[in-house]
Amino acid sequence: MDVIFAQGRATAAEVRQAIPNPPSYSAVRALLRILEEKGMLRHFQEGARYVYRPTESRLKASRSAIKRVLDTFFEGSLVNAVTALVDTSDGKLSAEEFQRLQKVLKAAKEKKS
């Protein structure tokens, strides 16, 4: 998906070429077919090649993916997810990251009020 989002559209060969240590061409095609079945991609034919495009923006897709991760691993809890992320960073938040988190939390709190 990263390759297709970055390029806007891509063939299986272009996706494979852009991946470090790529799997086989047939594995890339199979993955693109699965992503299409899941509704994340659609293709059109250009000569003998299938060209794949995302069905939604990167932002919308990322939000949907985050929601699935929250539901699957954190019982839908944003607090549990943020706690896990902070815990796995070994408390190594930079001052800038900490300030940014504080701003986000403050904005969320004000939105609730």
PDB file of N, CA and C in Angstrom:
ATOM      1  N   MET A   1       0.838  -1.193   0.000  1.00  0.00           N
ATOM      2  CA  MET A   1       0.000   0.000   0.000  1.00  0.00           C
ATOM      3  C   MET A   1       0.875   1.246   0.000  1.00  0.00           C
ATOM      4  N   ASP A   2       1.999   1.204   0.715  1.00  0.00           N
ATOM      5  CA  ASP A   2       2.884   2.373   0.748  1.00  0.00           C
ATOM      6  C   ASP A   2       3.329   2.766  -0.651  1.00  0.00           C
ATOM      7  N   VAL A   3       3.702   1.787  -1.440  1.00  0.00           N
ATOM      8  CA  VAL A   3       4.173   2.064  -2.799  1.00  0.00           C
ATOM      9  C   VAL A   3       3.054   2.685  -3.619  1.00  0.00           C
ATOM     10  N   ILE A   4       1.875   2.114  -3.528  1.00  0.00           N
ATOM     11  CA  ILE A   4       0.758   2.616  -4.328  1.00  0.00           C
ATOM     12  C   ILE A   4       0.325   3.993  -3.846  1.00  0.00           C
ATOM     13  N   PHE A   5       0.303   4.224  -2.530  1.00  0.00           N
ATOM     14  CA  PHE A   5      -0.020   5.564  -2.040  1.00  0.00           C
ATOM     15  C   PHE A   5       1.026   6.573  -2.507  1.00  0.00           C
ATOM     16  N   ALA A   6       2.295   6.200  -2.451  1.00  0.00           N
ATOM     17  CA  ALA A   6       3.374   7.116  -2.831  1.00  0.00           C
ATOM     18  C   ALA A   6       3.317   7.462  -4.320  1.00  0.00           C
ATOM     19  N   GLN A   7       3.008   6.475  -5.150  1.00  0.00           N
ATOM     20  CA  GLN A   7       3.003   6.703  -6.592  1.00  0.00           C
ATOM     21  C   GLN A   7       1.628   7.076  -7.135  1.00  0.00           C
ATOM     22  N   GLY A   8       0.593   6.834  -6.355  1.00  0.00           N
ATOM     23  CA  GLY A   8      -0.759   7.111  -6.821  1.00  0.00           C
ATOM     24  C   GLY A   8      -1.372   5.953  -7.584  1.00  0.00           C
ATOM     25  N   ARG A   9      -0.535   5.190  -8.248  1.00  0.00           N
ATOM     26  CA  ARG A   9      -0.944   4.011  -9.010  1.00  0.00           C
ATOM     27  C   ARG A   9       0.302   3.205  -9.303  1.00  0.00           C
ATOM     28  N   ALA A  10       0.140   1.894  -9.459  1.00  0.00           N
ATOM     29  CA  ALA A  10       1.312   1.061  -9.735  1.00  0.00           C
ATOM     30  C   ALA A  10       0.887  -0.303 -10.231  1.00  0.00           C
ATOM     31  N   THR A  11       1.747  -0.904 -11.016  1.00  0.00           N
ATOM     32  CA  THR A  11       1.561  -2.288 -11.453  1.00  0.00           C
ATOM     33  C   THR A  11       2.223  -3.202 -10.419  1.00  0.00           C
ATOM     34  N   ALA A  12       1.967  -4.486 -10.532  1.00  0.00           N
ATOM     35  CA  ALA A  12       2.598  -5.451  -9.626  1.00  0.00           C
ATOM     36  C   ALA A  12       4.116  -5.387  -9.767  1.00  0.00           C
ATOM     37  N   ALA A  13       4.604  -5.252 -10.973  1.00  0.00           N
ATOM     38  CA  ALA A  13       6.053  -5.170 -11.196  1.00  0.00           C
ATOM     39  C   ALA A  13       6.637  -3.926 -10.530  1.00  0.00           C
ATOM     40  N   GLU A  14       5.940  -2.798 -10.615  1.00  0.00           N
ATOM     41  CA  GLU A  14       6.423  -1.567  -9.986  1.00  0.00           C
ATOM     42  C   GLU A  14       6.410  -1.684  -8.463  1.00  0.00           C
ATOM     43  N   VAL A  15       5.378  -2.325  -7.925  1.00  0.00           N
ATOM     44  CA  VAL A  15       5.320  -2.546  -6.479  1.00  0.00           C
ATOM     45  C   VAL A  15       6.497  -3.414  -6.062  1.00  0.00           C
ATOM     46  N   ARG A  16       6.700  -4.507  -6.761  1.00  0.00           N
ATOM     47  CA  ARG A  16       7.799  -5.429  -6.425  1.00  0.00           C
ATOM     48  C   ARG A  16       9.144  -4.726  -6.501  1.00  0.00           C
ATOM     49  N   GLN A  17       9.339  -3.912  -7.517  1.00  0.00           N
ATOM     50  CA  GLN A  17      10.604  -3.210  -7.712  1.00  0.00           C
ATOM     51  C   GLN A  17      10.876  -2.221  -6.574  1.00  0.00           C
ATOM     52  N   ALA A  18       9.833  -1.659  -5.999  1.00  0.00           N
ATOM     53  CA  ALA A  18       9.989  -0.640  -4.955  1.00  0.00           C
ATOM     54  C   ALA A  18      10.174  -1.217  -3.552  1.00  0.00           C
ATOM     55  N   ILE A  19       9.982  -2.526  -3.401  1.00  0.00           N
ATOM     56  CA  ILE A  19      10.082  -3.158  -2.087  1.00  0.00           C
ATOM     57  C   ILE A  19      11.497  -3.693  -1.876  1.00  0.00           C
ATOM     58  N   PRO A  20      12.114  -3.330  -0.741  1.00  0.00           N
ATOM     59  CA  PRO A  20      13.417  -3.938  -0.459  1.00  0.00           C
ATOM     60  C   PRO A  20      13.236  -5.432  -0.164  1.00  0.00           C
ATOM     61  N   ASN A  21      14.138  -6.257  -0.648  1.00  0.00           N
ATOM     62  CA  ASN A  21      14.055  -7.715  -0.483  1.00  0.00           C
ATOM     63  C   ASN A  21      12.656  -8.222  -0.844  1.00  0.00           C
ATOM     64  N   PRO A  22      12.211  -7.983  -2.071  1.00  0.00           N
ATOM     65  CA  PRO A  22      10.825  -8.298  -2.431  1.00  0.00           C
ATOM     66  C   PRO A  22      10.543  -9.793  -2.488  1.00  0.00           C
ATOM     67  N   PRO A  23       9.280 -10.140  -2.233  1.00  0.00           N
ATOM     68  CA  PRO A  23       8.857 -11.527  -2.450  1.00  0.00           C
ATOM     69  C   PRO A  23       8.765 -11.767  -3.960  1.00  0.00           C
ATOM     70  N   SER A  24       8.353 -12.942  -4.330  1.00  0.00           N
ATOM     71  CA  SER A  24       8.230 -13.266  -5.762  1.00  0.00           C
ATOM     72  C   SER A  24       7.150 -12.402  -6.408  1.00  0.00           C
ATOM     73  N   TYR A  25       7.228 -12.312  -7.721  1.00  0.00           N
ATOM     74  CA  TYR A  25       6.239 -11.547  -8.482  1.00  0.00           C
ATOM     75  C   TYR A  25       4.837 -12.095  -8.232  1.00  0.00           C
ATOM     76  N   SER A  26       4.711 -13.420  -8.209  1.00  0.00           N
ATOM     77  CA  SER A  26       3.386 -14.013  -7.994  1.00  0.00           C
ATOM     78  C   SER A  26       2.866 -13.714  -6.589  1.00  0.00           C
ATOM     79  N   ALA A  27       3.759 -13.635  -5.600  1.00  0.00           N
ATOM     80  CA  ALA A  27       3.326 -13.279  -4.237  1.00  0.00           C
ATOM     81  C   ALA A  27       2.825 -11.837  -4.190  1.00  0.00           C
ATOM     82  N   VAL A  28       3.491 -10.943  -4.898  1.00  0.00           N
ATOM     83  CA  VAL A  28       3.042  -9.544  -4.949  1.00  0.00           C
ATOM     84  C   VAL A  28       1.676  -9.467  -5.620  1.00  0.00           C
ATOM     85  N   ARG A  29       1.515 -10.185  -6.724  1.00  0.00           N
ATOM     86  CA  ARG A  29       0.208 -10.190  -7.408  1.00  0.00           C
ATOM     87  C   ARG A  29      -0.882 -10.735  -6.498  1.00  0.00           C
ATOM     88  N   ALA A  30      -0.576 -11.792  -5.767  1.00  0.00           N
ATOM     89  CA  ALA A  30      -1.565 -12.377  -4.853  1.00  0.00           C
ATOM     90  C   ALA A  30      -1.948 -11.386  -3.767  1.00  0.00           C
ATOM     91  N   LEU A  31      -0.968 -10.688  -3.227  1.00  0.00           N
ATOM     92  CA  LEU A  31      -1.253  -9.691  -2.192  1.00  0.00           C
ATOM     93  C   LEU A  31      -2.105  -8.547  -2.748  1.00  0.00           C
ATOM     94  N   LEU A  32      -1.802  -8.093  -3.944  1.00  0.00           N
ATOM     95  CA  LEU A  32      -2.601  -7.025  -4.560  1.00  0.00           C
ATOM     96  C   LEU A  32      -4.036  -7.499  -4.787  1.00  0.00           C
ATOM     97  N   ARG A  33      -4.202  -8.760  -5.187  1.00  0.00           N
ATOM     98  CA  ARG A  33      -5.549  -9.306  -5.375  1.00  0.00           C
ATOM     99  C   ARG A  33      -6.318  -9.337  -4.052  1.00  0.00           C
ATOM    100  N   ILE A  34      -5.627  -9.739  -2.974  1.00  0.00           N
ATOM    101  CA  ILE A  34      -6.263  -9.769  -1.653  1.00  0.00           C
ATOM    102  C   ILE A  34      -6.664  -8.365  -1.218  1.00  0.00           C
ATOM    103  N   LEU A  35      -5.769  -7.403  -1.418  1.00  0.00           N
ATOM    104  CA  LEU A  35      -6.087  -6.016  -1.057  1.00  0.00           C
ATOM    105  C   LEU A  35      -7.261  -5.485  -1.878  1.00  0.00           C
ATOM    106  N   GLU A  36      -7.356  -5.932  -3.118  1.00  0.00           N
ATOM    107  CA  GLU A  36      -8.493  -5.543  -3.951  1.00  0.00           C
ATOM    108  C   GLU A  36      -9.780  -6.196  -3.449  1.00  0.00           C
ATOM    109  N   GLU A  37      -9.721  -7.466  -3.072  1.00  0.00           N
ATOM    110  CA  GLU A  37     -10.894  -8.159  -2.529  1.00  0.00           C
ATOM    111  C   GLU A  37     -11.378  -7.498  -1.243  1.00  0.00           C
ATOM    112  N   LYS A  38     -10.443  -6.962  -0.457  1.00  0.00           N
ATOM    113  CA  LYS A  38     -10.801  -6.281   0.790  1.00  0.00           C
ATOM    114  C   LYS A  38     -11.289  -4.856   0.554  1.00  0.00           C
ATOM    115  N   GLY A  39     -11.249  -4.412  -0.711  1.00  0.00           N
ATOM    116  CA  GLY A  39     -11.760  -3.092  -1.041  1.00  0.00           C
ATOM    117  C   GLY A  39     -10.750  -1.962  -0.874  1.00  0.00           C
ATOM    118  N   MET A  40      -9.501  -2.293  -0.670  1.00  0.00           N
ATOM    119  CA  MET A  40      -8.491  -1.261  -0.466  1.00  0.00           C
ATOM    120  C   MET A  40      -7.894  -0.762  -1.783  1.00  0.00           C
ATOM    121  N   LEU A  41      -7.969  -1.595  -2.798  1.00  0.00           N
ATOM    122  CA  LEU A  41      -7.455  -1.250  -4.126  1.00  0.00           C
ATOM    123  C   LEU A  41      -8.510  -1.564  -5.171  1.00  0.00           C
ATOM    124  N   ARG A  42      -8.331  -0.966  -6.326  1.00  0.00           N
ATOM    125  CA  ARG A  42      -9.068  -1.398  -7.514  1.00  0.00           C
ATOM    126  C   ARG A  42      -8.088  -1.308  -8.678  1.00  0.00           C
ATOM    127  N   HIS A  43      -8.370  -2.041  -9.718  1.00  0.00           N
ATOM    128  CA  HIS A  43      -7.446  -2.035 -10.845  1.00  0.00           C
ATOM    129  C   HIS A  43      -8.164  -1.643 -12.121  1.00  0.00           C
ATOM    130  N   PHE A  44      -7.363  -1.205 -13.084  1.00  0.00           N
ATOM    131  CA  PHE A  44      -7.839  -1.027 -14.438  1.00  0.00           C
ATOM    132  C   PHE A  44      -6.764  -1.604 -15.350  1.00  0.00           C
ATOM    133  N   GLN A  45      -7.166  -1.934 -16.550  1.00  0.00           N
ATOM    134  CA  GLN A  45      -6.230  -2.580 -17.460  1.00  0.00           C
ATOM    135  C   GLN A  45      -5.613  -1.532 -18.373  1.00  0.00           C
ATOM    136  N   GLU A  46      -4.305  -1.618 -18.502  1.00  0.00           N
ATOM    137  CA  GLU A  46      -3.549  -0.746 -19.399  1.00  0.00           C
ATOM    138  C   GLU A  46      -2.717  -1.672 -20.283  1.00  0.00           C
ATOM    139  N   GLY A  47      -3.213  -1.939 -21.474  1.00  0.00           N
ATOM    140  CA  GLY A  47      -2.578  -2.955 -22.305  1.00  0.00           C
ATOM    141  C   GLY A  47      -2.767  -4.308 -21.649  1.00  0.00           C
ATOM    142  N   ALA A  48      -1.666  -5.038 -21.468  1.00  0.00           N
ATOM    143  CA  ALA A  48      -1.743  -6.355 -20.842  1.00  0.00           C
ATOM    144  C   ALA A  48      -1.552  -6.288 -19.332  1.00  0.00           C
ATOM    145  N   ARG A  49      -1.307  -5.092 -18.803  1.00  0.00           N
ATOM    146  CA  ARG A  49      -0.996  -4.952 -17.374  1.00  0.00           C
ATOM    147  C   ARG A  49      -2.202  -4.463 -16.575  1.00  0.00           C
ATOM    148  N   TYR A  50      -2.267  -4.898 -15.335  1.00  0.00           N
ATOM    149  CA  TYR A  50      -3.228  -4.350 -14.386  1.00  0.00           C
ATOM    150  C   TYR A  50      -2.521  -3.234 -13.628  1.00  0.00           C
ATOM    151  N   VAL A  51      -3.184  -2.100 -13.542  1.00  0.00           N
ATOM    152  CA  VAL A  51      -2.657  -0.967 -12.784  1.00  0.00           C
ATOM    153  C   VAL A  51      -3.574  -0.784 -11.578  1.00  0.00           C
ATOM    154  N   TYR A  52      -2.978  -0.731 -10.400  1.00  0.00           N
ATOM    155  CA  TYR A  52      -3.740  -0.654  -9.153  1.00  0.00           C
ATOM    156  C   TYR A  52      -3.731   0.759  -8.602  1.00  0.00           C
ATOM    157  N   ARG A  53      -4.882   1.158  -8.057  1.00  0.00           N
ATOM    158  CA  ARG A  53      -5.044   2.464  -7.412  1.00  0.00           C
ATOM    159  C   ARG A  53      -5.718   2.253  -6.067  1.00  0.00           C
ATOM    160  N   PRO A  54      -5.402   3.096  -5.080  1.00  0.00           N
ATOM    161  CA  PRO A  54      -6.100   2.972  -3.798  1.00  0.00           C
ATOM    162  C   PRO A  54      -7.547   3.438  -3.946  1.00  0.00           C
ATOM    163  N   THR A  55      -8.421   2.885  -3.141  1.00  0.00           N
ATOM    164  CA  THR A  55      -9.831   3.269  -3.199  1.00  0.00           C
ATOM    165  C   THR A  55     -10.145   4.441  -2.280  1.00  0.00           C
ATOM    166  N   GLU A  56      -9.213   4.758  -1.375  1.00  0.00           N
ATOM    167  CA  GLU A  56      -9.408   5.890  -0.481  1.00  0.00           C
ATOM    168  C   GLU A  56      -8.065   6.555  -0.204  1.00  0.00           C
ATOM    169  N   SER A  57      -8.104   7.736   0.382  1.00  0.00           N
ATOM    170  CA  SER A  57      -6.879   8.472   0.665  1.00  0.00           C
ATOM    171  C   SER A  57      -6.048   7.758   1.725  1.00  0.00           C
ATOM    172  N   ARG A  58      -4.775   8.088   1.759  1.00  0.00           N
ATOM    173  CA  ARG A  58      -3.878   7.513   2.772  1.00  0.00           C
ATOM    174  C   ARG A  58      -4.389   7.850   4.172  1.00  0.00           C
ATOM    175  N   LEU A  59      -4.861   9.078   4.377  1.00  0.00           N
ATOM    176  CA  LEU A  59      -5.352   9.495   5.694  1.00  0.00           C
ATOM    177  C   LEU A  59      -6.552   8.656   6.119  1.00  0.00           C
ATOM    178  N   LYS A  60      -7.508   8.489   5.221  1.00  0.00           N
ATOM    179  CA  LYS A  60      -8.699   7.708   5.555  1.00  0.00           C
ATOM    180  C   LYS A  60      -8.333   6.249   5.813  1.00  0.00           C
ATOM    181  N   ALA A  61      -7.439   5.703   5.003  1.00  0.00           N
ATOM    182  CA  ALA A  61      -7.011   4.313   5.185  1.00  0.00           C
ATOM    183  C   ALA A  61      -6.257   4.151   6.504  1.00  0.00           C
ATOM    184  N   SER A  62      -5.421   5.124   6.850  1.00  0.00           N
ATOM    185  CA  SER A  62      -4.658   5.015   8.101  1.00  0.00           C
ATOM    186  C   SER A  62      -5.590   5.089   9.307  1.00  0.00           C
ATOM    187  N   ARG A  63      -6.594   5.926   9.239  1.00  0.00           N
ATOM    188  CA  ARG A  63      -7.553   6.012  10.346  1.00  0.00           C
ATOM    189  C   ARG A  63      -8.336   4.716  10.501  1.00  0.00           C
ATOM    190  N   SER A  64      -8.699   4.129   9.395  1.00  0.00           N
ATOM    191  CA  SER A  64      -9.419   2.857   9.432  1.00  0.00           C
ATOM    192  C   SER A  64      -8.526   1.760  10.016  1.00  0.00           C
ATOM    193  N   ALA A  65      -7.254   1.755   9.617  1.00  0.00           N
ATOM    194  CA  ALA A  65      -6.316   0.743  10.130  1.00  0.00           C
ATOM    195  C   ALA A  65      -6.103   0.925  11.634  1.00  0.00           C
ATOM    196  N   ILE A  66      -5.960   2.161  12.081  1.00  0.00           N
ATOM    197  CA  ILE A  66      -5.768   2.427  13.511  1.00  0.00           C
ATOM    198  C   ILE A  66      -6.990   1.957  14.296  1.00  0.00           C
ATOM    199  N   LYS A  67      -8.182   2.204  13.751  1.00  0.00           N
ATOM    200  CA  LYS A  67      -9.403   1.758  14.434  1.00  0.00           C
ATOM    201  C   LYS A  67      -9.408   0.244  14.578  1.00  0.00           C
ATOM    202  N   ARG A  68      -8.997  -0.478  13.511  1.00  0.00           N
ATOM    203  CA  ARG A  68      -8.943  -1.946  13.587  1.00  0.00           C
ATOM    204  C   ARG A  68      -7.926  -2.398  14.630  1.00  0.00           C
ATOM    205  N   VAL A  69      -6.773  -1.734  14.690  1.00  0.00           N
ATOM    206  CA  VAL A  69      -5.757  -2.092  15.687  1.00  0.00           C
ATOM    207  C   VAL A  69      -6.292  -1.833  17.094  1.00  0.00           C
ATOM    208  N   LEU A  70      -6.932  -0.684  17.304  1.00  0.00           N
ATOM    209  CA  LEU A  70      -7.516  -0.376  18.617  1.00  0.00           C
ATOM    210  C   LEU A  70      -8.520  -1.445  19.026  1.00  0.00           C
ATOM    211  N   ASP A  71      -9.408  -1.788  18.101  1.00  0.00           N
ATOM    212  CA  ASP A  71     -10.444  -2.782  18.409  1.00  0.00           C
ATOM    213  C   ASP A  71      -9.850  -4.166  18.658  1.00  0.00           C
ATOM    214  N   THR A  72      -8.855  -4.547  17.857  1.00  0.00           N
ATOM    215  CA  THR A  72      -8.288  -5.889  17.932  1.00  0.00           C
ATOM    216  C   THR A  72      -7.394  -6.092  19.150  1.00  0.00           C
ATOM    217  N   PHE A  73      -6.531  -5.123  19.425  1.00  0.00           N
ATOM    218  CA  PHE A  73      -5.511  -5.327  20.448  1.00  0.00           C
ATOM    219  C   PHE A  73      -5.726  -4.554  21.751  1.00  0.00           C
ATOM    220  N   PHE A  74      -6.567  -3.524  21.714  1.00  0.00           N
ATOM    221  CA  PHE A  74      -6.695  -2.650  22.880  1.00  0.00           C
ATOM    222  C   PHE A  74      -8.136  -2.460  23.338  1.00  0.00           C
ATOM    223  N   GLU A  75      -9.007  -3.389  22.960  1.00  0.00           N
ATOM    224  CA  GLU A  75     -10.413  -3.352  23.366  1.00  0.00           C
ATOM    225  C   GLU A  75     -11.061  -2.014  23.042  1.00  0.00           C
ATOM    226  N   GLY A  76     -10.603  -1.386  21.956  1.00  0.00           N
ATOM    227  CA  GLY A  76     -11.154  -0.106  21.527  1.00  0.00           C
ATOM    228  C   GLY A  76     -10.700   1.078  22.352  1.00  0.00           C
ATOM    229  N   SER A  77      -9.765   0.863  23.271  1.00  0.00           N
ATOM    230  CA  SER A  77      -9.336   1.909  24.197  1.00  0.00           C
ATOM    231  C   SER A  77      -8.117   2.671  23.685  1.00  0.00           C
ATOM    232  N   LEU A  78      -8.290   3.938  23.434  1.00  0.00           N
ATOM    233  CA  LEU A  78      -7.193   4.802  23.026  1.00  0.00           C
ATOM    234  C   LEU A  78      -6.162   4.926  24.142  1.00  0.00           C
ATOM    235  N   VAL A  79      -6.631   4.992  25.383  1.00  0.00           N
ATOM    236  CA  VAL A  79      -5.730   5.088  26.535  1.00  0.00           C
ATOM    237  C   VAL A  79      -4.818   3.859  26.596  1.00  0.00           C
ATOM    238  N   ASN A  80      -5.385   2.661  26.414  1.00  0.00           N
ATOM    239  CA  ASN A  80      -4.569   1.443  26.428  1.00  0.00           C
ATOM    240  C   ASN A  80      -3.536   1.454  25.307  1.00  0.00           C
ATOM    241  N   ALA A  81      -3.928   1.933  24.138  1.00  0.00           N
ATOM    242  CA  ALA A  81      -3.003   1.971  23.003  1.00  0.00           C
ATOM    243  C   ALA A  81      -1.870   2.969  23.248  1.00  0.00           C
ATOM    244  N   VAL A  82      -2.205   4.158  23.705  1.00  0.00           N
ATOM    245  CA  VAL A  82      -1.178   5.171  23.965  1.00  0.00           C
ATOM    246  C   VAL A  82      -0.246   4.693  25.072  1.00  0.00           C
ATOM    247  N   THR A  83      -0.806   4.087  26.103  1.00  0.00           N
ATOM    248  CA  THR A  83       0.016   3.552  27.196  1.00  0.00           C
ATOM    249  C   THR A  83       0.987   2.508  26.662  1.00  0.00           C
ATOM    250  N   ALA A  84       0.517   1.618  25.822  1.00  0.00           N
ATOM    251  CA  ALA A  84       1.387   0.587  25.251  1.00  0.00           C
ATOM    252  C   ALA A  84       2.484   1.207  24.391  1.00  0.00           C
ATOM    253  N   LEU A  85       2.132   2.212  23.624  1.00  0.00           N
ATOM    254  CA  LEU A  85       3.136   2.869  22.781  1.00  0.00           C
ATOM    255  C   LEU A  85       4.194   3.575  23.618  1.00  0.00           C
ATOM    256  N   VAL A  86       3.769   4.256  24.666  1.00  0.00           N
ATOM    257  CA  VAL A  86       4.727   4.942  25.543  1.00  0.00           C
ATOM    258  C   VAL A  86       5.590   3.916  26.267  1.00  0.00           C
ATOM    259  N   ASP A  87       4.978   2.836  26.742  1.00  0.00           N
ATOM    260  CA  ASP A  87       5.731   1.782  27.432  1.00  0.00           C
ATOM    261  C   ASP A  87       6.782   1.153  26.525  1.00  0.00           C
ATOM    262  N   THR A  88       6.450   0.936  25.258  1.00  0.00           N
ATOM    263  CA  THR A  88       7.407   0.298  24.348  1.00  0.00           C
ATOM    264  C   THR A  88       8.501   1.245  23.900  1.00  0.00           C
ATOM    265  N   SER A  89       8.307   2.538  24.111  1.00  0.00           N
ATOM    266  CA  SER A  89       9.361   3.495  23.743  1.00  0.00           C
ATOM    267  C   SER A  89      10.386   3.622  24.861  1.00  0.00           C
ATOM    268  N   ASP A  90      10.237   2.818  25.917  1.00  0.00           N
ATOM    269  CA  ASP A  90      11.141   2.848  27.075  1.00  0.00           C
ATOM    270  C   ASP A  90      11.209   4.236  27.705  1.00  0.00           C
ATOM    271  N   GLY A  91      10.099   4.967  27.591  1.00  0.00           N
ATOM    272  CA  GLY A  91      10.040   6.301  28.192  1.00  0.00           C
ATOM    273  C   GLY A  91      10.938   7.311  27.508  1.00  0.00           C
ATOM    274  N   LYS A  92      11.354   7.019  26.294  1.00  0.00           N
ATOM    275  CA  LYS A  92      12.283   7.896  25.587  1.00  0.00           C
ATOM    276  C   LYS A  92      11.546   8.906  24.703  1.00  0.00           C
ATOM    277  N   LEU A  93      10.580   9.596  25.269  1.00  0.00           N
ATOM    278  CA  LEU A  93       9.901  10.654  24.532  1.00  0.00           C
ATOM    279  C   LEU A  93      10.770  11.902  24.582  1.00  0.00           C
ATOM    280  N   SER A  94      10.947  12.515  23.434  1.00  0.00           N
ATOM    281  CA  SER A  94      11.691  13.772  23.425  1.00  0.00           C
ATOM    282  C   SER A  94      10.801  14.851  24.042  1.00  0.00           C
ATOM    283  N   ALA A  95      11.393  15.967  24.404  1.00  0.00           N
ATOM    284  CA  ALA A  95      10.621  17.083  24.967  1.00  0.00           C
ATOM    285  C   ALA A  95       9.568  17.547  23.970  1.00  0.00           C
ATOM    286  N   GLU A  96       9.927  17.555  22.686  1.00  0.00           N
ATOM    287  CA  GLU A  96       8.978  17.964  21.641  1.00  0.00           C
ATOM    288  C   GLU A  96       7.799  16.997  21.549  1.00  0.00           C
ATOM    289  N   GLU A  97       8.087  15.695  21.594  1.00  0.00           N
ATOM    290  CA  GLU A  97       7.021  14.696  21.528  1.00  0.00           C
ATOM    291  C   GLU A  97       6.105  14.805  22.744  1.00  0.00           C
ATOM    292  N   PHE A  98       6.692  14.999  23.895  1.00  0.00           N
ATOM    293  CA  PHE A  98       5.906  15.125  25.123  1.00  0.00           C
ATOM    294  C   PHE A  98       5.002  16.351  25.047  1.00  0.00           C
ATOM    295  N   GLN A  99       5.536  17.475  24.582  1.00  0.00           N
ATOM    296  CA  GLN A  99       4.725  18.699  24.442  1.00  0.00           C
ATOM    297  C   GLN A  99       3.607  18.497  23.430  1.00  0.00           C
ATOM    298  N   ARG A 100       3.914  17.811  22.359  1.00  0.00           N
ATOM    299  CA  ARG A 100       2.880  17.564  21.343  1.00  0.00           C
ATOM    300  C   ARG A 100       1.760  16.699  21.909  1.00  0.00           C
ATOM    301  N   LEU A 101       2.130  15.658  22.664  1.00  0.00           N
ATOM    302  CA  LEU A 101       1.118  14.820  23.300  1.00  0.00           C
ATOM    303  C   LEU A 101       0.263  15.632  24.270  1.00  0.00           C
ATOM    304  N   GLN A 102       0.908  16.490  25.030  1.00  0.00           N
ATOM    305  CA  GLN A 102       0.164  17.334  25.966  1.00  0.00           C
ATOM    306  C   GLN A 102      -0.835  18.223  25.225  1.00  0.00           C
ATOM    307  N   LYS A 103      -0.431  18.800  24.097  1.00  0.00           N
ATOM    308  CA  LYS A 103      -1.328  19.656  23.313  1.00  0.00           C
ATOM    309  C   LYS A 103      -2.511  18.867  22.775  1.00  0.00           C
ATOM    310  N   VAL A 104      -2.230  17.662  22.271  1.00  0.00           N
ATOM    311  CA  VAL A 104      -3.301  16.817  21.735  1.00  0.00           C
ATOM    312  C   VAL A 104      -4.296  16.463  22.833  1.00  0.00           C
ATOM    313  N   LEU A 105      -3.781  16.080  24.005  1.00  0.00           N
ATOM    314  CA  LEU A 105      -4.655  15.718  25.120  1.00  0.00           C
ATOM    315  C   LEU A 105      -5.454  16.926  25.615  1.00  0.00           C
ATOM    316  N   LYS A 106      -4.821  18.069  25.668  1.00  0.00           N
ATOM    317  CA  LYS A 106      -5.516  19.290  26.097  1.00  0.00           C
ATOM    318  C   LYS A 106      -6.633  19.637  25.118  1.00  0.00           C
ATOM    319  N   ALA A 107      -6.345  19.545  23.832  1.00  0.00           N
ATOM    320  CA  ALA A 107      -7.369  19.835  22.808  1.00  0.00           C
ATOM    321  C   ALA A 107      -8.521  18.844  22.921  1.00  0.00           C
ATOM    322  N   ALA A 108      -8.211  17.571  23.166  1.00  0.00           N
ATOM    323  CA  ALA A 108      -9.268  16.556  23.308  1.00  0.00           C
ATOM    324  C   ALA A 108     -10.125  16.838  24.527  1.00  0.00           C
ATOM    325  N   LYS A 109      -9.493  17.274  25.609  1.00  0.00           N
ATOM    326  CA  LYS A 109     -10.219  17.594  26.846  1.00  0.00           C
ATOM    327  C   LYS A 109     -11.138  18.784  26.633  1.00  0.00           C
ATOM    328  N   GLU A 110     -10.644  19.806  25.942  1.00  0.00           N
ATOM    329  CA  GLU A 110     -11.459  20.996  25.686  1.00  0.00           C
ATOM    330  C   GLU A 110     -12.620  20.674  24.749  1.00  0.00           C
ATOM    331  N   LYS A 111     -12.391  19.764  23.836  1.00  0.00           N
ATOM    332  CA  LYS A 111     -13.447  19.341  22.901  1.00  0.00           C
ATOM    333  C   LYS A 111     -14.588  18.652  23.662  1.00  0.00           C
ATOM    334  N   LYS A 112     -14.225  17.883  24.697  1.00  0.00           N
ATOM    335  CA  LYS A 112     -15.215  17.160  25.511  1.00  0.00           C
ATOM    336  C   LYS A 112     -16.069  18.110  26.336  1.00  0.00           C
ATOM    337  N   SER A 113     -15.469  19.211  26.777  1.00  0.00           N
ATOM    338  CA  SER A 113     -16.170  20.134  27.689  1.00  0.00           C
ATOM    339  C   SER A 113     -17.223  20.953  27.018  1.00  0.00           C
TER     340      SER A 113
END
